[in-house]
Protein backbone atom coordinates (compact mmCIF):
# COMPACT_ATOMS: atom_id res chain seq x y z
CA MET A 1 -10.60 -16.73 -7.25
CA LYS A 2 -11.34 -20.14 -7.03
CA ASP A 3 -12.22 -20.47 -10.68
CA MET A 4 -9.18 -18.36 -11.59
CA THR A 5 -6.17 -20.14 -13.56
CA PRO A 6 -2.77 -19.58 -11.40
CA SER A 7 -1.84 -17.26 -13.73
CA GLN A 8 -4.95 -14.98 -13.29
CA LYS A 9 -4.24 -15.32 -9.64
CA LYS A 10 -0.49 -14.37 -9.96
CA GLN A 11 -1.53 -11.13 -12.25
CA MET A 12 -4.35 -9.92 -9.44
CA MET A 13 -1.79 -10.20 -7.13
CA LYS A 14 0.90 -8.78 -9.05
CA GLN A 15 -1.65 -5.42 -9.55
CA ALA A 16 -2.64 -5.95 -5.61
CA GLU A 17 0.85 -5.46 -4.75
CA LYS A 18 1.33 -2.53 -7.32
CA GLU A 19 -1.50 -0.66 -5.17
CA ILE A 20 -1.00 -1.32 -2.56
CA LYS A 21 2.58 -0.10 -2.51
CA GLU A 22 1.83 3.47 -4.09
CA LYS A 23 -0.64 3.56 -1.52
CA PHE A 24 1.76 2.83 1.06
CA GLU A 25 5.22 2.96 0.60
CA ALA A 26 5.79 6.77 1.61
CA ASP A 27 3.88 6.23 4.52
CA LEU A 28 6.01 2.91 5.69
CA LYS A 29 9.38 3.81 4.49
CA LYS A 30 8.78 7.40 7.33
CA LEU A 31 7.91 4.81 9.84
CA THR A 32 10.13 4.97 12.95
CA ARG A 33 11.86 1.76 14.36
CA SER A 34 9.09 1.42 16.95
CA GLN A 35 6.88 2.09 14.59
CA GLY A 36 7.59 -0.77 12.20
CA GLU A 37 7.36 -3.13 15.47
CA ILE A 38 4.40 -2.36 16.08
CA LEU A 39 3.17 -2.64 12.58
CA ILE A 40 4.55 -6.01 12.68
CA LYS A 41 2.72 -7.02 15.90
CA LEU A 42 -0.59 -5.19 14.17
CA VAL A 43 -0.17 -7.26 11.43
CA ASP A 44 -0.26 -10.45 13.69
CA ARG A 45 -2.88 -9.37 16.03
CA GLU A 46 -5.19 -8.56 12.67
CA THR A 47 -4.43 -11.27 10.46
CA GLY A 48 -3.58 -14.28 13.20
CA ASN A 49 -0.25 -14.94 11.42
CA ASP A 50 3.11 -13.56 11.78
CA SER A 51 4.62 -10.97 9.00
CA TYR A 52 6.81 -13.83 8.17
CA THR A 53 4.04 -16.59 7.44
CA LEU A 54 2.04 -13.81 4.98
CA VAL A 55 5.19 -13.46 2.99
CA LYS A 56 5.98 -17.16 2.88
CA GLU A 57 2.48 -17.79 1.78
CA LEU A 58 2.03 -14.78 -0.39
CA ARG A 59 6.00 -14.49 -1.86
CA GLY A 60 7.29 -17.98 -0.99
CA SER A 61 10.00 -19.25 1.12
CA PHE A 62 12.75 -17.57 -0.50
CA SER A 63 11.44 -14.23 -0.36
CA ALA A 64 10.21 -14.97 3.31
CA PHE A 65 13.86 -15.70 4.44
CA LEU A 66 15.52 -12.99 2.48
CA TYR A 67 13.14 -10.22 4.10
CA GLN A 68 13.76 -11.68 7.34
CA SER A 69 17.03 -11.47 6.85
CA LEU A 70 16.89 -7.92 6.01
CA GLY A 71 14.55 -7.66 8.96
CA LYS A 72 17.22 -8.75 11.61
CA ILE A 73 19.79 -6.78 10.30
CA PHE A 74 17.89 -3.28 11.02
CA GLY A 75 16.82 -5.10 14.16
CA TYR A 76 12.92 -6.23 12.97
CA ASN A 77 11.74 -9.98 13.66
CA LEU A 78 9.35 -10.83 11.02
CA LYS A 79 8.16 -13.90 13.24
CA THR A 80 7.33 -11.18 16.45
CA LYS A 81 3.99 -12.42 18.06
CA PHE A 82 1.35 -10.31 19.21
CA ASN A 83 0.13 -11.57 23.02
CA PRO A 84 -0.66 -9.17 25.28
CA LYS A 85 -1.20 -11.27 28.21
CA GLU A 86 2.20 -12.22 27.71
CA ASN A 87 4.50 -8.94 27.10
CA LYS A 88 4.04 -5.81 28.55
CA GLU A 89 4.29 -4.10 25.38
CA ASP A 90 1.61 -5.42 23.65
CA GLU A 91 -1.02 -5.24 26.30
CA MET A 92 -0.60 -1.26 26.26
CA ILE A 93 -1.08 -1.62 22.42
CA GLU A 94 -4.42 -3.63 23.42
CA LYS A 95 -5.36 -0.98 25.71
CA ILE A 96 -4.85 1.62 23.17
CA ILE A 97 -6.51 -0.05 20.64
CA TYR A 98 -9.68 -0.70 22.70
CA GLY A 99 -9.74 2.98 23.56
CA ILE A 100 -9.83 3.79 20.04
CA GLU A 101 -12.42 1.48 18.73
CA THR A 102 -15.01 2.34 21.68
CA ASN A 103 -14.04 6.46 21.37
CA LYS A 104 -12.32 6.75 24.52
CA ILE A 105 -9.26 8.16 22.79
């Protein structure tokens, strides 16, 4: 991506977004509220950035603000961090992930 022009990067991002949308949109729409909250935490766990920051970097400040505002209406916070040391639910999620990764689950 280093040698790409800004318009080439933009086109590549649009294509990637389209492919991701086609592949995952139907499944994401079926998530329960708690599953959505867990997904937001897992995004932070895997990337080291909360969902708000990722949207801001990829889509801009206005989109991040818009998605955060919409999320708040439905009870989500895109700035949620994954912290198994301070949050019991996150600790349980971490244990489940560990069990899956070590083939114990």
